[in-house]
Protein backbone atom coordinates (compact mmCIF):
# COMPACT_ATOMS: atom_id res chain seq x y z
CA MET A 1 4.08 -14.58 -41.42
CA LYS A 2 7.07 -13.26 -42.26
CA ILE A 3 9.86 -12.77 -39.86
CA SER A 4 11.05 -9.44 -39.65
CA PHE A 5 13.33 -9.46 -36.91
CA GLN A 6 16.27 -11.40 -35.99
CA VAL A 7 17.11 -14.12 -33.32
CA ARG A 8 20.49 -14.62 -31.50
CA MET A 9 19.88 -18.04 -30.03
CA THR A 10 22.55 -20.51 -28.25
CA GLY A 11 22.11 -23.86 -27.53
CA PRO A 12 20.32 -27.44 -28.63
CA LEU A 13 17.00 -25.42 -29.07
CA THR A 14 18.27 -23.20 -31.80
CA LYS A 15 17.32 -24.85 -34.83
CA TYR A 16 13.66 -25.24 -33.55
CA TRP A 17 12.92 -21.26 -33.01
CA PRO A 18 12.07 -20.68 -36.47
CA SER A 19 9.41 -23.71 -36.94
CA VAL A 20 8.57 -22.84 -32.92
CA TRP A 21 7.50 -19.43 -34.27
CA GLN A 22 5.26 -20.24 -37.16
CA ASP A 23 3.62 -22.63 -34.75
CA LEU A 24 2.95 -19.82 -32.14
CA VAL A 25 1.80 -17.64 -35.10
CA LYS A 26 -0.66 -20.45 -36.10
CA ARG A 27 -2.39 -21.17 -32.84
CA GLY A 28 -2.87 -17.66 -32.74
CA TYR A 29 -0.56 -15.97 -30.46
CA THR A 30 0.56 -12.25 -31.71
CA PRO A 31 3.80 -11.22 -33.05
CA LEU A 32 4.49 -9.52 -29.35
CA THR A 33 3.53 -12.42 -27.62
CA ALA A 34 5.49 -14.80 -29.46
CA ARG A 35 8.75 -12.75 -29.63
CA SER A 36 8.19 -12.99 -25.60
CA ILE A 37 8.27 -17.00 -25.63
CA LEU A 38 11.33 -17.05 -28.03
CA TYR A 39 12.97 -14.82 -25.36
CA ARG A 40 12.28 -17.59 -22.89
CA MET A 41 13.49 -20.34 -25.53
CA ASP A 42 16.56 -18.37 -25.64
CA ARG A 43 17.26 -18.36 -21.77
CA LEU A 44 16.25 -22.23 -21.56
CA SER A 45 18.35 -22.96 -24.51
CA SER A 46 21.29 -21.31 -22.96
CA TRP A 47 20.77 -22.98 -19.37
CA MET A 48 20.62 -26.38 -21.24
CA GLU A 49 23.78 -25.71 -22.92
CA LYS A 50 25.52 -24.74 -19.76
CA LYS A 51 24.09 -27.85 -17.96
CA GLY A 52 25.25 -30.23 -21.16
CA VAL A 53 22.03 -31.90 -21.96
CA GLY A 54 19.81 -31.88 -25.05
CA ALA A 55 16.17 -31.44 -26.62
CA GLU A 56 15.51 -35.06 -25.49
CA SER A 57 16.66 -34.61 -21.62
CA ILE A 58 13.37 -32.30 -21.52
CA ASN A 59 11.39 -33.37 -18.97
CA GLU A 60 9.12 -32.34 -16.00
CA ASN A 61 11.83 -32.08 -13.45
CA LEU A 62 14.29 -30.28 -15.56
CA LEU A 63 11.90 -27.27 -16.30
CA THR A 64 11.13 -27.30 -12.67
CA GLU A 65 14.87 -26.65 -12.06
CA PHE A 66 15.15 -24.27 -14.90
CA CYS A 67 11.98 -22.49 -13.08
CA LYS A 68 13.70 -21.92 -10.18
CA THR A 69 17.02 -20.88 -11.38
CA ARG A 70 15.16 -18.07 -13.65
CA CYS A 71 14.50 -16.06 -10.60
CA TYR A 72 13.10 -12.29 -10.75
CA ALA A 73 14.57 -9.59 -9.10
CA ALA A 74 12.47 -10.25 -5.67
CA GLY A 75 13.39 -13.77 -5.46
CA LYS A 76 10.27 -15.41 -6.85
CA PRO A 77 10.99 -17.98 -9.39
CA LEU A 78 9.72 -18.40 -13.10
CA ASN A 79 6.08 -19.33 -13.41
CA ARG A 80 6.01 -22.86 -14.73
CA ARG A 81 3.13 -21.57 -16.94
CA LEU A 82 5.07 -18.72 -18.58
CA ILE A 83 6.82 -21.67 -20.93
CA GLU A 84 3.90 -23.72 -21.33
CA PRO A 85 3.60 -22.60 -24.75
CA LEU A 86 6.31 -23.37 -25.96
CA ILE A 87 6.67 -26.66 -24.31
CA CYS A 88 3.20 -27.17 -26.42
CA SER A 89 5.06 -25.97 -29.57
CA LEU A 90 8.21 -28.05 -29.44
CA VAL A 91 5.82 -31.37 -28.48
CA ASN A 92 3.50 -30.11 -31.82
CA LEU A 93 6.78 -29.98 -33.70
CA LYS A 94 7.94 -33.78 -32.55
CA ALA A 95 11.25 -32.15 -31.26
CA ILE A 96 10.47 -33.41 -27.60
CA GLU A 97 8.25 -36.09 -25.80
CA LYS A 98 5.20 -34.42 -23.53
CA PRO A 99 6.62 -34.30 -20.19
CA THR A 100 5.18 -36.32 -17.91
CA PRO A 101 3.66 -34.02 -15.05
CA ASN A 102 5.14 -34.54 -11.87
CA PRO A 103 2.76 -36.86 -9.02
CA PRO A 104 1.05 -34.62 -6.17
CA ALA A 105 2.51 -33.67 -3.18
CA PRO A 106 0.98 -35.83 -0.63
CA PRO A 107 -1.83 -34.31 1.24
CA SER A 108 -0.71 -33.07 4.88
CA GLU A 109 -2.14 -34.14 7.92
CA VAL A 110 -4.50 -31.16 8.05
CA ALA A 111 -5.58 -32.12 4.69
CA ARG A 112 -6.23 -36.02 5.48
CA PHE A 113 -8.20 -34.85 8.91
CA LEU A 114 -10.71 -32.65 7.13
CA ALA A 115 -11.37 -34.93 3.42
CA PRO A 116 -14.35 -36.62 5.91
CA PHE A 117 -15.57 -33.34 6.95
CA LEU A 118 -15.54 -31.81 3.13
CA THR A 119 -16.95 -34.76 2.20
CA TYR A 120 -19.61 -34.55 4.44
CA LEU A 121 -20.18 -30.73 3.67
CA ARG A 122 -20.29 -31.75 -0.24
CA CYS A 123 -22.84 -35.13 -0.16
CA GLU A 124 -24.81 -34.52 2.85
CA ARG A 125 -25.25 -30.74 3.33
CA GLY A 126 -25.30 -30.05 -0.54
CA PHE A 127 -23.02 -26.98 -0.21
CA VAL A 128 -21.29 -25.45 -3.00
CA GLU A 129 -18.03 -25.68 -3.71
CA HIS A 130 -16.78 -22.27 -3.12
CA THR A 131 -18.31 -22.66 0.61
CA ILE A 132 -16.73 -25.85 0.98
CA GLN A 133 -13.16 -24.29 0.11
CA GLN A 134 -14.11 -21.35 2.15
CA TYR A 135 -14.83 -23.36 5.03
CA ASP A 136 -11.53 -25.85 4.29
CA ARG A 137 -9.30 -22.34 4.61
CA VAL A 138 -11.20 -21.39 8.37
CA ILE A 139 -10.48 -24.76 9.95
CA GLY A 140 -7.02 -24.81 8.56
CA ARG A 141 -6.40 -21.30 9.88
CA PHE A 142 -7.82 -22.89 13.35
CA PHE A 143 -6.03 -25.75 13.36
CA ILE A 144 -2.27 -24.17 12.22
CA ALA A 145 -3.07 -21.65 14.99
CA ARG A 146 -3.91 -24.13 17.89
CA PHE A 147 -1.94 -27.09 17.19
CA GLY A 148 0.97 -25.64 14.86
CA SER A 149 2.35 -28.16 12.98
CA ASP A 150 1.69 -31.22 15.21
CA GLU A 151 -0.59 -33.82 14.82
CA PRO A 152 -4.20 -32.42 15.57
CA LYS A 153 -6.25 -33.96 18.14
CA VAL A 154 -9.77 -32.84 18.32
CA GLY A 155 -10.44 -34.27 21.55
CA THR A 156 -8.06 -31.50 23.14
CA ILE A 157 -9.87 -28.29 21.74
CA SER A 158 -11.49 -25.99 24.39
CA ALA A 159 -13.93 -23.23 24.54
CA ASP A 160 -11.22 -20.79 25.01
CA ASP A 161 -9.23 -22.04 21.86
CA LEU A 162 -12.45 -21.43 20.03
CA SER A 163 -12.60 -17.73 21.52
CA LEU A 164 -9.27 -17.07 21.31
CA PHE A 165 -9.26 -17.90 17.35
CA ILE A 166 -12.66 -15.89 16.59
CA LEU A 167 -10.65 -13.02 18.19
CA ARG A 168 -7.72 -13.08 16.54
CA GLU A 169 -9.78 -13.43 13.19
CA SER A 170 -12.02 -10.17 13.82
CA ARG A 171 -8.31 -8.79 14.20
CA CYS A 172 -7.41 -9.60 10.67
CA TYR A 173 -10.62 -9.80 8.63
CA LYS A 174 -14.08 -7.87 7.94
CA LYS A 175 -17.50 -8.56 9.67
CA GLY A 176 -18.08 -10.21 7.16
CA THR A 177 -15.42 -12.95 6.87
CA VAL A 178 -15.49 -13.27 10.24
CA LYS A 179 -19.48 -14.60 10.16
CA ILE A 180 -18.21 -16.97 7.44
CA SER A 181 -15.33 -17.76 10.17
CA ILE A 182 -17.80 -18.59 12.59
CA SER A 183 -20.14 -20.46 10.81
CA ALA A 184 -17.33 -22.65 9.69
CA LEU A 185 -16.16 -23.09 13.01
CA ARG A 186 -19.53 -24.18 14.39
CA CYS A 187 -20.66 -26.47 11.65
CA PHE A 188 -17.11 -28.22 12.21
CA ILE A 189 -17.33 -28.75 16.10
CA ARG A 190 -21.05 -29.88 15.96
CA TYR A 191 -19.55 -32.46 12.82
CA GLN A 192 -17.18 -33.74 15.33
CA PHE A 193 -19.61 -33.95 18.11
CA VAL A 194 -22.10 -35.89 16.51
CA LYS A 195 -19.20 -38.20 14.83
CA GLY A 196 -18.53 -38.61 18.58
CA PHE A 197 -14.56 -37.07 18.13
CA ILE A 198 -15.40 -34.78 21.10
CA ASP A 199 -17.66 -35.28 24.82
CA HIS A 200 -19.30 -32.19 24.55
CA ASP A 201 -20.84 -29.85 21.74
CA LEU A 202 -18.86 -26.50 22.23
CA SER A 203 -20.46 -24.21 19.26
CA GLY A 204 -22.24 -22.65 21.80
CA SER A 205 -19.04 -21.35 22.90
CA ILE A 206 -18.15 -19.74 19.93
CA PRO A 207 -18.81 -15.91 20.05
CA VAL A 208 -20.85 -14.24 17.89
CA ILE A 209 -20.03 -10.42 16.52
CA ALA A 210 -22.02 -7.35 16.33
CA ASN A 211 -22.95 -7.08 12.68
CA TRP A 212 -26.29 -6.21 12.56
CA ARG A 213 -28.56 -7.06 9.16
CA LEU A 214 -29.93 -3.69 7.38
CA SER A 215 -27.43 -1.38 9.62
CA GLU A 216 -26.20 0.12 6.51
CA LEU A 217 -27.36 2.20 3.94
CA PRO A 218 -26.16 0.39 0.17
CA LYS A 219 -24.21 2.13 -1.64
CA TYR A 220 -25.02 3.09 -5.75
CA LEU A 221 -23.92 5.00 -8.37
CA GLU A 222 -25.72 8.00 -9.58
CA THR A 223 -27.35 7.77 -13.08
CA THR A 224 -24.47 10.05 -14.90
CA GLN A 225 -22.02 7.43 -13.59
CA VAL A 226 -23.66 4.49 -14.83
CA ASP A 227 -23.76 6.49 -18.25
CA GLN A 228 -20.01 7.48 -17.64
CA LEU A 229 -18.98 3.78 -16.97
CA LEU A 230 -20.78 2.79 -20.27
CA ARG A 231 -19.26 4.65 -22.37
CA ALA A 232 -15.56 3.46 -20.93
CA PRO A 233 -15.11 0.53 -23.36
CA ASP A 234 -13.67 1.26 -26.96
CA GLN A 235 -16.40 -0.47 -28.88
CA ARG A 236 -14.13 -0.47 -31.76
CA THR A 237 -12.19 -3.40 -30.51
CA HIS A 238 -13.03 -6.92 -29.57
CA VAL A 239 -12.50 -6.39 -25.98
CA GLY A 240 -14.72 -3.26 -25.94
CA TYR A 241 -17.41 -5.29 -27.27
CA ARG A 242 -16.97 -7.63 -24.75
CA ASP A 243 -16.60 -5.47 -21.43
CA TYR A 244 -19.41 -3.35 -22.90
CA ALA A 245 -21.73 -6.40 -22.48
CA VAL A 246 -20.53 -7.62 -19.45
CA LEU A 247 -21.38 -4.18 -18.10
CA LEU A 248 -24.48 -3.93 -19.15
CA LEU A 249 -25.61 -7.33 -17.82
CA LEU A 250 -24.12 -6.07 -14.61
CA THR A 251 -25.90 -2.81 -14.69
CA ARG A 252 -29.76 -3.50 -16.74
CA LEU A 253 -30.19 -6.90 -15.08
CA GLY A 254 -27.94 -6.52 -12.01
CA LEU A 255 -26.40 -10.05 -12.15
CA ARG A 256 -23.85 -11.03 -9.86
CA SER A 257 -19.80 -11.09 -11.43
CA LYS A 258 -19.81 -15.17 -11.00
CA GLU A 259 -23.26 -15.54 -12.61
CA VAL A 260 -22.24 -13.45 -15.59
CA ALA A 261 -19.00 -15.57 -15.85
CA SER A 262 -21.08 -18.40 -15.74
CA ILE A 263 -23.42 -17.65 -19.10
CA GLU A 264 -23.11 -20.19 -21.49
CA LEU A 265 -24.71 -19.84 -25.46
CA ARG A 266 -27.31 -22.14 -24.47
CA ASP A 267 -28.41 -19.81 -21.85
CA ILE A 268 -29.89 -17.62 -24.04
CA ASP A 269 -32.95 -18.00 -25.62
CA TRP A 270 -33.21 -15.49 -28.26
CA GLN A 271 -36.89 -16.70 -29.84
CA GLN A 272 -38.32 -15.95 -26.53
CA GLY A 273 -36.14 -13.23 -25.14
CA VAL A 274 -34.84 -14.51 -22.00
CA LEU A 275 -31.88 -15.15 -20.31
CA ILE A 276 -31.16 -18.53 -18.10
CA ILE A 277 -29.23 -17.42 -15.23
CA ARG A 278 -27.11 -20.02 -12.66
CA GLY A 279 -27.49 -18.19 -9.50
CA LYS A 280 -26.69 -19.06 -5.49
CA GLY A 281 -27.52 -22.68 -4.34
CA ARG A 282 -26.99 -24.27 -7.99
CA LYS A 283 -30.66 -22.17 -8.79
CA GLN A 284 -31.32 -21.45 -12.68
CA GLU A 285 -33.69 -18.87 -13.02
CA CYS A 286 -35.03 -17.27 -16.27
CA LEU A 287 -34.54 -13.20 -16.42
CA PRO A 288 -36.16 -11.14 -19.44
CA LEU A 289 -32.99 -10.19 -22.07
CA PRO A 290 -33.44 -6.60 -22.86
CA SER A 291 -32.96 -5.60 -26.24
CA ASP A 292 -29.91 -3.43 -25.57
CA VAL A 293 -28.28 -6.19 -23.83
CA GLY A 294 -28.94 -8.46 -26.24
CA ALA A 295 -28.06 -6.36 -29.43
CA ALA A 296 -24.33 -5.96 -27.30
CA LEU A 297 -24.17 -9.85 -27.10
CA VAL A 298 -24.80 -10.38 -30.78
CA ARG A 299 -21.82 -7.95 -31.73
CA TYR A 300 -19.74 -9.50 -29.53
CA LEU A 301 -20.55 -13.35 -30.43
CA LYS A 302 -20.35 -12.26 -33.80
CA ILE A 303 -16.51 -11.34 -33.18
CA ARG A 304 -16.05 -13.75 -30.66
CA ARG A 305 -13.39 -16.35 -31.43
CA THR A 306 -14.42 -19.97 -31.67
CA VAL A 307 -13.36 -22.14 -28.82
CA PRO A 308 -15.06 -25.63 -28.91
CA GLN A 309 -14.51 -26.78 -25.81
CA ILE A 310 -15.52 -23.42 -24.09
CA ARG A 311 -19.26 -23.47 -24.02
CA ASN A 312 -19.42 -19.98 -22.00
CA VAL A 313 -20.14 -16.71 -23.85
CA PHE A 314 -17.20 -14.59 -22.29
CA ILE A 315 -13.34 -15.79 -22.76
CA GLY A 316 -10.19 -14.21 -22.48
CA VAL A 317 -8.40 -12.61 -25.11
CA ASN A 318 -5.01 -13.91 -24.30
CA TYR A 319 -3.61 -17.30 -25.04
CA PRO A 320 -4.30 -20.13 -24.54
CA LEU A 321 -7.85 -18.81 -24.77
CA ASN A 322 -9.63 -19.72 -21.39
CA LYS A 323 -13.14 -18.90 -19.99
CA CYS A 324 -13.84 -15.63 -17.62
CA THR A 325 -13.75 -16.19 -14.19
CA ALA A 326 -15.66 -14.06 -11.49
CA SER A 327 -12.55 -12.31 -10.54
CA GLY A 328 -12.14 -11.55 -14.06
CA ILE A 329 -15.35 -9.93 -14.03
CA ARG A 330 -14.54 -7.52 -11.30
CA MET A 331 -11.57 -6.74 -12.80
CA ILE A 332 -13.14 -5.43 -15.85
CA VAL A 333 -15.37 -3.52 -13.72
CA LYS A 334 -12.60 -2.23 -11.90
CA LYS A 335 -10.58 -1.54 -14.88
CA TYR A 336 -13.29 0.89 -16.36
CA ALA A 337 -14.09 2.54 -13.09
CA ILE A 338 -10.96 3.74 -12.84
CA GLN A 339 -10.61 5.05 -16.26
CA SER A 340 -14.19 7.02 -15.35
CA GLY A 341 -13.07 8.51 -11.84
CA ILE A 342 -15.28 6.47 -9.91
CA PRO A 343 -13.45 5.31 -6.79
CA ASN A 344 -14.04 1.89 -5.06
CA LEU A 345 -16.49 0.64 -7.60
CA SER A 346 -17.04 -2.94 -7.10
CA SER A 347 -19.72 -5.18 -9.63
CA HIS A 348 -21.98 -5.66 -6.38
CA LYS A 349 -22.30 -1.82 -5.97
CA LEU A 350 -23.67 -1.78 -9.60
CA ARG A 351 -26.33 -4.54 -8.40
CA HIS A 352 -27.56 -1.54 -5.47
CA THR A 353 -27.19 0.65 -8.35
CA LEU A 354 -30.19 -0.95 -10.50
CA ALA A 355 -32.54 -1.54 -7.21
CA THR A 356 -32.05 1.95 -6.31
CA GLU A 357 -33.19 3.23 -9.59
CA ILE A 358 -36.10 0.85 -9.95
CA LEU A 359 -37.08 2.42 -6.85
CA ARG A 360 -36.73 5.70 -8.43
CA LYS A 361 -39.24 4.95 -11.18
CA GLY A 362 -41.92 3.94 -8.88
CA GLY A 363 -40.94 0.31 -8.61
CA SER A 364 -42.07 -1.72 -5.64
CA LEU A 365 -39.70 -3.52 -3.51
CA ASP A 366 -41.38 -6.71 -4.45
CA GLU A 367 -40.16 -5.88 -7.99
CA ILE A 368 -36.82 -5.47 -6.88
CA ALA A 369 -37.00 -8.78 -5.32
CA GLN A 370 -38.26 -10.61 -8.45
CA VAL A 371 -35.05 -8.59 -10.57
CA LEU A 372 -32.33 -9.19 -7.95
CA ARG A 373 -33.87 -12.96 -7.39
CA HIS A 374 -33.40 -12.73 -3.53
CA ALA A 375 -34.50 -15.50 -1.44
CA ASP A 376 -35.03 -13.66 1.68
CA HIS A 377 -37.25 -10.41 1.67
CA ASP A 378 -35.10 -9.26 4.27
CA SER A 379 -32.30 -9.01 1.94
CA THR A 380 -34.50 -6.60 -0.07
CA ALA A 381 -35.88 -4.37 2.87
CA ILE A 382 -32.55 -2.66 2.70
CA TYR A 383 -33.28 -0.36 0.02
CA ALA A 384 -36.48 1.06 1.36
CA LYS A 385 -34.04 3.40 3.36
CA VAL A 386 -32.91 5.04 -0.04
CA ASP A 387 -36.39 5.85 -1.01
CA LEU A 388 -36.54 9.15 0.51
CA ALA A 389 -39.56 10.47 -1.62
CA SER A 390 -41.67 7.59 0.31
CA LEU A 391 -39.96 7.72 3.99
CA ASN A 392 -40.79 11.73 3.77
CA THR A 393 -44.67 11.04 3.66
CA VAL A 394 -44.05 9.34 7.30
CA VAL A 395 -41.58 11.13 8.91
CA GLN A 396 -42.84 12.69 12.19
CA GLY A 397 -41.92 16.12 12.84
CA TRP A 398 -39.48 17.43 15.33
CA PRO A 399 -41.28 17.93 19.00
CA GLY A 400 -41.27 21.60 19.40
CA GLY A 401 -40.98 22.57 15.87
CA VAL A 402 -37.65 23.97 14.39
CA ALA A 403 -36.06 26.40 16.52
């Protein structure tokens, strides 16, 4: 691609900038992104000139020092990831050797202490990685609150320590998060008791919070709002094709954001018209693939960029290309909710919307449980509260009549 602008650069990297530009464009970066990378190249080159070092001196320590000096207005250092495309181009051009990453920092005292417990959760209890990370964060917060920077001594933990920690958590987090903290702390205390590190099982002293199941009504969208949300993506663009397919999967099949992100090319059986979903607890389940969802996926896959090492259906649009994450799926929902004027919309609310729509069209709670793949039917029972037509047939009249 012809370069339509001038670059004024000084320092040891100046002679490489035309080749870096061509390499970036060849690797798929847009001209606008390539220019921003050249801007960082200019800053790095001029900084190296002031230090009196050449291109051969580029290593991980030098790059780390550069990132610390290029601070933003708020004092936050430059993210090392932002100069990675430049380093890759310089390595491709054989201008520098690939920097060897610095060895990871040694684990903290808390991390070393928790390692056997996390292994127990992973190998013996079969917890998924997401839950293990949640428990790790909770116990880490407890150790900081109880021991500070001192070495953890489990034998000194008392019932008051556990109660005070849960009370502090309840002031800082929502009920659902506090329930996770309670479960994590109980599991940890029981593990320590079984292993003989503490003399008494203190898990019974951990308080519970008032958070009754099925106590709230599920929040959902009206049909007009769903239609408005699905019209929001611009289907004349690559991003619009992708986002429209994501929204259809959420609204038509009631998938969770993590389930949408984990769909791989092999999970779509076009001949049988089914979709394999990797749900909670490492379960794999088959769902029918509606025709409109299948058509949206076909339109997207025809223009989807090919990345051999990525088998996920949905990938990002910024280089370096990578698979979409669950948080990325949630951001897609939030983006089009703002465009559609729908406040406080989450991907899980679309799941509630599908269940409510099934009830409106005469479906049963058992059918909802099958579509949403609930292992516990109590999770489905909450939707009985939104079936007002059926509830009106069993409601009792007010004693004495209406005045």
